[in-house]
Amino acid sequence: MSTFEEGETDALRVPRIRLPRSPLQEALISALEREDTNLRIIYLGALHVLQQEDNPDRLALASHNFRELMDRILHVHIDVEEGGVSLGSKVMNLSDDWLKATRTTSCSNDKGEWEGKIDRPLRRFLRRATDFFRWHEGHRPKQKKEIATVLQKLDPIGLPLPPILEQLNVDTWANIQGFFVKVAHHGDVDEDEFEQWQYACERFLIERLQPRTFEDLARLDELIEKGESHDS
């Protein structure tokens, strides 16, 4: 059933369609709302665009939101250093530099092929690209440490894990985010593979943003005991 925004005239009313969601997705929406309203909005945007079956770019667009969602979860739980710069802003700046270089360089012909000596616009871009990759190499260890810190903060007990298990969690986070980065840049992916990674992301997040309570665990123990009594 469609609903309408209050205060709108009949001519301006726009129907808001309630899209079907799984129990896992509903739980994650609520958990994200408790963390930060913007997290919920980003996730809902991803779910909404995935419903647009006539949109040929929907997987790339949804992947952008999933990547941004994971980035912002880190920022919600980590005090960003004053003057600190995120990877996203660095990439956007480099993208602007690239567009400027391609518009002004004489080293690219009409077919997009590179030829001739490196001119001033291209040289300027190459310097900035070099600076970016040097920064990125230095930033990667810090980013992994930030991920480990946030995952520990999200643990209800908050005790550090053995290093090998902590690294496993960090690698899982990085692999999930890396998949969405690839698809956001239009890397090849089919529907089934995307759904598997989407579920992995949702499951990984809900297990940390809304961990099982002691009541849930007690209920699980009760079900296990009943099952064992029936087997005996």
C-alpha atoms as a PDB file:
ATOM      1  CA  MET A   1       0.000   0.000   0.000  1.00  0.00           C
ATOM      2  CA  SER A   2       1.332   3.431  -0.957  1.00  0.00           C
ATOM      3  CA  THR A   3       1.484   6.333   1.496  1.00  0.00           C
ATOM      4  CA  PHE A   4       1.896  10.083   0.979  1.00  0.00           C
ATOM      5  CA  GLU A   5       3.842  12.877   2.627  1.00  0.00           C
ATOM      6  CA  GLU A   6       1.744  15.086   4.926  1.00  0.00           C
ATOM      7  CA  GLY A   7       0.958  18.614   3.730  1.00  0.00           C
ATOM      8  CA  GLU A   8       1.337  17.855   0.026  1.00  0.00           C
ATOM      9  CA  THR A   9      -1.360  18.893  -2.426  1.00  0.00           C
ATOM     10  CA  ASP A  10      -3.018  16.218  -4.523  1.00  0.00           C
ATOM     11  CA  ALA A  11      -1.106  17.397  -7.578  1.00  0.00           C
ATOM     12  CA  LEU A  12       2.251  17.096  -5.839  1.00  0.00           C
ATOM     13  CA  ARG A  13       1.698  13.879  -3.934  1.00  0.00           C
ATOM     14  CA  VAL A  14       4.284  11.214  -4.685  1.00  0.00           C
ATOM     15  CA  PRO A  15       3.508   7.619  -3.681  1.00  0.00           C
ATOM     16  CA  ARG A  16       6.004   5.972  -1.318  1.00  0.00           C
ATOM     17  CA  ILE A  17       6.037   2.250  -2.036  1.00  0.00           C
ATOM     18  CA  ARG A  18       6.978  -0.126   0.780  1.00  0.00           C
ATOM     19  CA  LEU A  19       9.529  -2.530  -0.682  1.00  0.00           C
ATOM     20  CA  PRO A  20       9.697  -6.143   0.574  1.00  0.00           C
ATOM     21  CA  ARG A  21      12.554  -6.756   3.007  1.00  0.00           C
ATOM     22  CA  SER A  22      13.861  -9.819   4.792  1.00  0.00           C
ATOM     23  CA  PRO A  23      13.839 -10.057   8.628  1.00  0.00           C
ATOM     24  CA  LEU A  24      17.624  -9.665   8.519  1.00  0.00           C
ATOM     25  CA  GLN A  25      17.302  -6.436   6.535  1.00  0.00           C
ATOM     26  CA  GLU A  26      14.627  -5.059   8.860  1.00  0.00           C
ATOM     27  CA  ALA A  27      16.838  -5.797  11.860  1.00  0.00           C
ATOM     28  CA  LEU A  28      19.832  -4.140  10.189  1.00  0.00           C
ATOM     29  CA  ILE A  29      17.791  -1.033   9.340  1.00  0.00           C
ATOM     30  CA  SER A  30      16.858  -0.655  13.023  1.00  0.00           C
ATOM     31  CA  ALA A  31      20.428  -1.272  14.180  1.00  0.00           C
ATOM     32  CA  LEU A  32      21.816   1.308  11.749  1.00  0.00           C
ATOM     33  CA  GLU A  33      19.215   3.851  12.897  1.00  0.00           C
ATOM     34  CA  ARG A  34      20.452   3.452  16.458  1.00  0.00           C
ATOM     35  CA  GLU A  35      24.011   4.069  15.309  1.00  0.00           C
ATOM     36  CA  ASP A  36      23.409   7.032  13.023  1.00  0.00           C
ATOM     37  CA  THR A  37      20.427   8.115  10.907  1.00  0.00           C
ATOM     38  CA  ASN A  38      22.644   8.634   7.864  1.00  0.00           C
ATOM     39  CA  LEU A  39      23.731   4.993   7.995  1.00  0.00           C
ATOM     40  CA  ARG A  40      20.106   3.906   7.731  1.00  0.00           C
ATOM     41  CA  ILE A  41      19.509   6.255   4.785  1.00  0.00           C
ATOM     42  CA  ILE A  42      22.540   4.957   2.888  1.00  0.00           C
ATOM     43  CA  TYR A  43      21.460   1.340   3.394  1.00  0.00           C
ATOM     44  CA  LEU A  44      17.856   2.033   2.388  1.00  0.00           C
ATOM     45  CA  GLY A  45      19.152   3.733  -0.752  1.00  0.00           C
ATOM     46  CA  ALA A  46      21.057   0.578  -1.685  1.00  0.00           C
ATOM     47  CA  LEU A  47      18.008  -1.616  -1.122  1.00  0.00           C
ATOM     48  CA  HIS A  48      15.827   0.751  -3.115  1.00  0.00           C
ATOM     49  CA  VAL A  49      18.056   0.865  -6.181  1.00  0.00           C
ATOM     50  CA  LEU A  50      18.375  -2.939  -6.148  1.00  0.00           C
ATOM     51  CA  GLN A  51      14.595  -3.113  -6.683  1.00  0.00           C
ATOM     52  CA  GLN A  52      14.916  -1.156  -9.942  1.00  0.00           C
ATOM     53  CA  GLU A  53      15.130  -4.154 -12.249  1.00  0.00           C
ATOM     54  CA  ASP A  54      14.913  -1.900 -15.316  1.00  0.00           C
ATOM     55  CA  ASN A  55      18.042  -0.020 -14.191  1.00  0.00           C
ATOM     56  CA  PRO A  56      21.051  -1.603 -15.952  1.00  0.00           C
ATOM     57  CA  ASP A  57      23.488   0.104 -13.549  1.00  0.00           C
ATOM     58  CA  ARG A  58      21.729  -0.836 -10.314  1.00  0.00           C
ATOM     59  CA  LEU A  59      24.429  -3.200  -9.008  1.00  0.00           C
ATOM     60  CA  ALA A  60      27.146  -0.551  -9.386  1.00  0.00           C
ATOM     61  CA  LEU A  61      24.965   2.119  -7.772  1.00  0.00           C
ATOM     62  CA  ALA A  62      24.007  -0.143  -4.857  1.00  0.00           C
ATOM     63  CA  SER A  63      27.662  -1.138  -4.414  1.00  0.00           C
ATOM     64  CA  HIS A  64      28.611   2.502  -4.017  1.00  0.00           C
ATOM     65  CA  ASN A  65      26.151   2.752  -1.111  1.00  0.00           C
ATOM     66  CA  PHE A  66      27.381  -0.452   0.541  1.00  0.00           C
ATOM     67  CA  ARG A  67      30.980   0.774   0.311  1.00  0.00           C
ATOM     68  CA  GLU A  68      29.972   4.159   1.722  1.00  0.00           C
ATOM     69  CA  LEU A  69      27.995   2.446   4.492  1.00  0.00           C
ATOM     70  CA  MET A  70      31.048   0.526   5.684  1.00  0.00           C
ATOM     71  CA  ASP A  71      33.229   3.639   5.469  1.00  0.00           C
ATOM     72  CA  ARG A  72      30.823   5.679   7.571  1.00  0.00           C
ATOM     73  CA  ILE A  73      30.462   2.979  10.221  1.00  0.00           C
ATOM     74  CA  LEU A  74      34.203   3.307  10.791  1.00  0.00           C
ATOM     75  CA  HIS A  75      33.938   7.096  11.021  1.00  0.00           C
ATOM     76  CA  VAL A  76      31.046   6.917  13.497  1.00  0.00           C
ATOM     77  CA  HIS A  77      33.212   4.961  15.942  1.00  0.00           C
ATOM     78  CA  ILE A  78      36.610   6.552  15.351  1.00  0.00           C
ATOM     79  CA  ASP A  79      37.672  10.063  16.229  1.00  0.00           C
ATOM     80  CA  VAL A  80      38.942  11.445  12.931  1.00  0.00           C
ATOM     81  CA  GLU A  81      42.141  13.408  13.401  1.00  0.00           C
ATOM     82  CA  GLU A  82      41.847  17.125  12.832  1.00  0.00           C
ATOM     83  CA  GLY A  83      42.916  17.820   9.284  1.00  0.00           C
ATOM     84  CA  GLY A  84      42.684  14.118   8.435  1.00  0.00           C
ATOM     85  CA  VAL A  85      41.681  13.197   4.889  1.00  0.00           C
ATOM     86  CA  SER A  86      39.614  10.178   3.913  1.00  0.00           C
ATOM     87  CA  LEU A  87      40.403   7.839   1.037  1.00  0.00           C
ATOM     88  CA  GLY A  88      37.162   8.858  -0.657  1.00  0.00           C
ATOM     89  CA  SER A  89      38.064  12.548  -0.759  1.00  0.00           C
ATOM     90  CA  LYS A  90      41.574  11.712  -1.969  1.00  0.00           C
ATOM     91  CA  VAL A  91      40.146   9.646  -4.834  1.00  0.00           C
ATOM     92  CA  MET A  92      37.689  12.400  -5.758  1.00  0.00           C
ATOM     93  CA  ASN A  93      40.523  14.946  -5.888  1.00  0.00           C
ATOM     94  CA  LEU A  94      42.608  12.633  -8.058  1.00  0.00           C
ATOM     95  CA  SER A  95      39.599  12.069 -10.324  1.00  0.00           C
ATOM     96  CA  ASP A  96      39.255  15.847 -10.788  1.00  0.00           C
ATOM     97  CA  ASP A  97      42.955  16.065 -11.620  1.00  0.00           C
ATOM     98  CA  TRP A  98      42.517  13.288 -14.185  1.00  0.00           C
ATOM     99  CA  LEU A  99      39.618  15.030 -15.908  1.00  0.00           C
ATOM    100  CA  LYS A 100      41.586  18.281 -16.072  1.00  0.00           C
ATOM    101  CA  ALA A 101      44.607  16.491 -17.522  1.00  0.00           C
ATOM    102  CA  THR A 102      42.614  14.646 -20.196  1.00  0.00           C
ATOM    103  CA  ARG A 103      40.915  17.884 -21.274  1.00  0.00           C
ATOM    104  CA  THR A 104      44.131  19.889 -21.614  1.00  0.00           C
ATOM    105  CA  THR A 105      46.898  17.433 -22.522  1.00  0.00           C
ATOM    106  CA  SER A 106      48.162  17.120 -26.087  1.00  0.00           C
ATOM    107  CA  CYS A 107      49.382  13.565 -25.465  1.00  0.00           C
ATOM    108  CA  SER A 108      46.006  11.944 -26.144  1.00  0.00           C
ATOM    109  CA  ASN A 109      44.511  11.721 -29.634  1.00  0.00           C
ATOM    110  CA  ASP A 110      40.863  11.572 -30.668  1.00  0.00           C
ATOM    111  CA  LYS A 111      40.818   7.801 -30.150  1.00  0.00           C
ATOM    112  CA  GLY A 112      41.958   8.148 -26.538  1.00  0.00           C
ATOM    113  CA  GLU A 113      45.394   6.727 -27.329  1.00  0.00           C
ATOM    114  CA  TRP A 114      48.512   8.150 -25.669  1.00  0.00           C
ATOM    115  CA  GLU A 115      51.338   9.417 -27.874  1.00  0.00           C
ATOM    116  CA  GLY A 116      54.189  11.917 -27.966  1.00  0.00           C
ATOM    117  CA  LYS A 117      56.255  13.396 -25.152  1.00  0.00           C
ATOM    118  CA  ILE A 118      54.803  13.993 -21.695  1.00  0.00           C
ATOM    119  CA  ASP A 119      53.482  17.544 -21.656  1.00  0.00           C
ATOM    120  CA  ARG A 120      52.860  19.843 -18.692  1.00  0.00           C
ATOM    121  CA  PRO A 121      49.203  18.840 -17.900  1.00  0.00           C
ATOM    122  CA  LEU A 122      50.029  15.129 -17.990  1.00  0.00           C
ATOM    123  CA  ARG A 123      53.226  15.626 -15.963  1.00  0.00           C
ATOM    124  CA  ARG A 124      51.237  17.491 -13.299  1.00  0.00           C
ATOM    125  CA  PHE A 125      48.738  14.643 -13.070  1.00  0.00           C
ATOM    126  CA  LEU A 126      51.461  11.993 -12.866  1.00  0.00           C
ATOM    127  CA  ARG A 127      53.076  13.846  -9.954  1.00  0.00           C
ATOM    128  CA  ARG A 128      49.761  13.987  -8.109  1.00  0.00           C
ATOM    129  CA  ALA A 129      49.060  10.334  -8.864  1.00  0.00           C
ATOM    130  CA  THR A 130      52.473   9.429  -7.432  1.00  0.00           C
ATOM    131  CA  ASP A 131      51.718  11.428  -4.274  1.00  0.00           C
ATOM    132  CA  PHE A 132      48.354   9.685  -3.968  1.00  0.00           C
ATOM    133  CA  PHE A 133      49.748   6.153  -4.175  1.00  0.00           C
ATOM    134  CA  ARG A 134      52.514   6.976  -1.702  1.00  0.00           C
ATOM    135  CA  TRP A 135      49.871   8.300   0.691  1.00  0.00           C
ATOM    136  CA  HIS A 136      47.714   5.226   0.135  1.00  0.00           C
ATOM    137  CA  GLU A 137      50.554   2.819   0.908  1.00  0.00           C
ATOM    138  CA  GLY A 138      51.211   4.655   4.172  1.00  0.00           C
ATOM    139  CA  HIS A 139      47.496   4.794   5.012  1.00  0.00           C
ATOM    140  CA  ARG A 140      46.724   1.082   4.569  1.00  0.00           C
ATOM    141  CA  PRO A 141      48.251  -0.138   7.873  1.00  0.00           C
ATOM    142  CA  LYS A 142      46.427   2.652   9.710  1.00  0.00           C
ATOM    143  CA  GLN A 143      43.146   1.707   8.050  1.00  0.00           C
ATOM    144  CA  LYS A 144      43.491  -1.942   9.123  1.00  0.00           C
ATOM    145  CA  LYS A 145      44.165  -0.817  12.684  1.00  0.00           C
ATOM    146  CA  GLU A 146      41.053   1.383  12.562  1.00  0.00           C
ATOM    147  CA  ILE A 147      38.927  -1.549  11.374  1.00  0.00           C
ATOM    148  CA  ALA A 148      40.233  -3.757  14.193  1.00  0.00           C
ATOM    149  CA  THR A 149      39.526  -0.985  16.732  1.00  0.00           C
ATOM    150  CA  VAL A 150      35.949  -0.503  15.536  1.00  0.00           C
ATOM    151  CA  LEU A 151      35.196  -4.239  15.477  1.00  0.00           C
ATOM    152  CA  GLN A 152      36.448  -4.482  19.066  1.00  0.00           C
ATOM    153  CA  LYS A 153      34.258  -1.509  20.077  1.00  0.00           C
ATOM    154  CA  LEU A 154      31.231  -3.198  18.533  1.00  0.00           C
ATOM    155  CA  ASP A 155      31.865  -6.370  20.525  1.00  0.00           C
ATOM    156  CA  PRO A 156      29.484  -6.287  23.553  1.00  0.00           C
ATOM    157  CA  ILE A 157      32.222  -7.635  25.849  1.00  0.00           C
ATOM    158  CA  GLY A 158      34.940  -5.512  24.287  1.00  0.00           C
ATOM    159  CA  LEU A 159      37.846  -7.840  24.999  1.00  0.00           C
ATOM    160  CA  PRO A 160      40.571  -8.111  22.350  1.00  0.00           C
ATOM    161  CA  LEU A 161      40.595 -11.290  20.283  1.00  0.00           C
ATOM    162  CA  PRO A 162      43.679 -13.414  19.663  1.00  0.00           C
ATOM    163  CA  PRO A 163      45.644 -11.733  16.838  1.00  0.00           C
ATOM    164  CA  ILE A 164      44.863 -14.465  14.294  1.00  0.00           C
ATOM    165  CA  LEU A 165      41.103 -14.142  14.882  1.00  0.00           C
ATOM    166  CA  GLU A 166      41.251 -10.348  14.899  1.00  0.00           C
ATOM    167  CA  GLN A 167      43.053 -10.473  11.555  1.00  0.00           C
ATOM    168  CA  LEU A 168      40.384 -12.828  10.215  1.00  0.00           C
ATOM    169  CA  ASN A 169      37.660 -10.304  11.075  1.00  0.00           C
ATOM    170  CA  VAL A 170      39.642  -7.430   9.558  1.00  0.00           C
ATOM    171  CA  ASP A 171      40.242  -9.445   6.372  1.00  0.00           C
ATOM    172  CA  THR A 172      36.538 -10.302   6.158  1.00  0.00           C
ATOM    173  CA  TRP A 173      35.610  -6.616   6.443  1.00  0.00           C
ATOM    174  CA  ALA A 174      38.236  -5.643   3.852  1.00  0.00           C
ATOM    175  CA  ASN A 175      37.184  -8.391   1.414  1.00  0.00           C
ATOM    176  CA  ILE A 176      33.512  -7.433   1.615  1.00  0.00           C
ATOM    177  CA  GLN A 177      34.277  -3.766   1.115  1.00  0.00           C
ATOM    178  CA  GLY A 178      36.744  -4.580  -1.668  1.00  0.00           C
ATOM    179  CA  PHE A 179      34.055  -6.475  -3.545  1.00  0.00           C
ATOM    180  CA  PHE A 180      31.699  -3.503  -3.473  1.00  0.00           C
ATOM    181  CA  VAL A 181      34.488  -1.144  -4.540  1.00  0.00           C
ATOM    182  CA  LYS A 182      35.139  -3.389  -7.551  1.00  0.00           C
ATOM    183  CA  VAL A 183      31.483  -3.523  -8.565  1.00  0.00           C
ATOM    184  CA  ALA A 184      31.014   0.224  -7.969  1.00  0.00           C
ATOM    185  CA  HIS A 185      33.734   0.704 -10.601  1.00  0.00           C
ATOM    186  CA  HIS A 186      31.768  -1.577 -12.937  1.00  0.00           C
ATOM    187  CA  GLY A 187      33.755  -4.748 -12.387  1.00  0.00           C
ATOM    188  CA  ASP A 188      32.149  -7.906 -13.762  1.00  0.00           C
ATOM    189  CA  VAL A 189      29.647  -9.570 -11.433  1.00  0.00           C
ATOM    190  CA  ASP A 190      26.466 -11.616 -11.846  1.00  0.00           C
ATOM    191  CA  GLU A 191      23.260 -11.407  -9.809  1.00  0.00           C
ATOM    192  CA  ASP A 192      23.906 -14.549  -7.754  1.00  0.00           C
ATOM    193  CA  GLU A 193      27.415 -13.491  -6.744  1.00  0.00           C
ATOM    194  CA  PHE A 194      26.200 -10.028  -5.795  1.00  0.00           C
ATOM    195  CA  GLU A 195      23.421 -11.464  -3.614  1.00  0.00           C
ATOM    196  CA  GLN A 196      25.935 -13.681  -1.801  1.00  0.00           C
ATOM    197  CA  TRP A 197      28.210 -10.745  -1.001  1.00  0.00           C
ATOM    198  CA  GLN A 198      25.247  -8.554  -0.037  1.00  0.00           C
ATOM    199  CA  TYR A 199      24.065 -11.217   2.410  1.00  0.00           C
ATOM    200  CA  ALA A 200      27.615 -11.617   3.760  1.00  0.00           C
ATOM    201  CA  CYS A 201      27.782  -7.871   4.380  1.00  0.00           C
ATOM    202  CA  GLU A 202      24.373  -7.705   6.059  1.00  0.00           C
ATOM    203  CA  ARG A 203      25.096 -10.737   8.222  1.00  0.00           C
ATOM    204  CA  PHE A 204      28.542  -9.467   9.235  1.00  0.00           C
ATOM    205  CA  LEU A 205      27.147  -6.050  10.203  1.00  0.00           C
ATOM    206  CA  ILE A 206      24.083  -7.253  12.122  1.00  0.00           C
ATOM    207  CA  GLU A 207      26.182  -9.685  14.172  1.00  0.00           C
ATOM    208  CA  ARG A 208      28.188  -6.705  15.416  1.00  0.00           C
ATOM    209  CA  LEU A 209      25.616  -3.928  15.536  1.00  0.00           C
ATOM    210  CA  GLN A 210      22.934  -6.097  17.157  1.00  0.00           C
ATOM    211  CA  PRO A 211      24.615  -9.061  18.889  1.00  0.00           C
ATOM    212  CA  ARG A 212      22.509 -11.745  20.503  1.00  0.00           C
ATOM    213  CA  THR A 213      21.450 -10.991  24.047  1.00  0.00           C
ATOM    214  CA  PHE A 214      21.807 -13.375  26.945  1.00  0.00           C
ATOM    215  CA  GLU A 215      18.066 -14.059  26.572  1.00  0.00           C
ATOM    216  CA  ASP A 216      18.659 -15.161  22.973  1.00  0.00           C
ATOM    217  CA  LEU A 217      21.456 -17.472  24.097  1.00  0.00           C
ATOM    218  CA  ALA A 218      19.287 -18.899  26.887  1.00  0.00           C
ATOM    219  CA  ARG A 219      16.540 -19.601  24.372  1.00  0.00           C
ATOM    220  CA  LEU A 220      19.077 -21.327  22.101  1.00  0.00           C
ATOM    221  CA  ASP A 221      20.262 -23.517  24.987  1.00  0.00           C
ATOM    222  CA  GLU A 222      16.667 -24.421  25.711  1.00  0.00           C
ATOM    223  CA  LEU A 223      16.058 -25.499  22.110  1.00  0.00           C
ATOM    224  CA  ILE A 224      19.267 -27.559  22.121  1.00  0.00           C
ATOM    225  CA  GLU A 225      18.256 -29.313  25.354  1.00  0.00           C
ATOM    226  CA  LYS A 226      14.826 -30.150  23.917  1.00  0.00           C
ATOM    227  CA  GLY A 227      16.443 -31.554  20.787  1.00  0.00           C
ATOM    228  CA  GLU A 228      18.828 -33.734  22.791  1.00  0.00           C
ATOM    229  CA  SER A 229      15.996 -35.051  24.993  1.00  0.00           C
ATOM    230  CA  HIS A 230      14.042 -36.108  21.903  1.00  0.00           C
ATOM    231  CA  ASP A 231      17.067 -37.945  20.545  1.00  0.00           C
ATOM    232  CA  SER A 232      17.601 -39.945  23.743  1.00  0.00           C
END
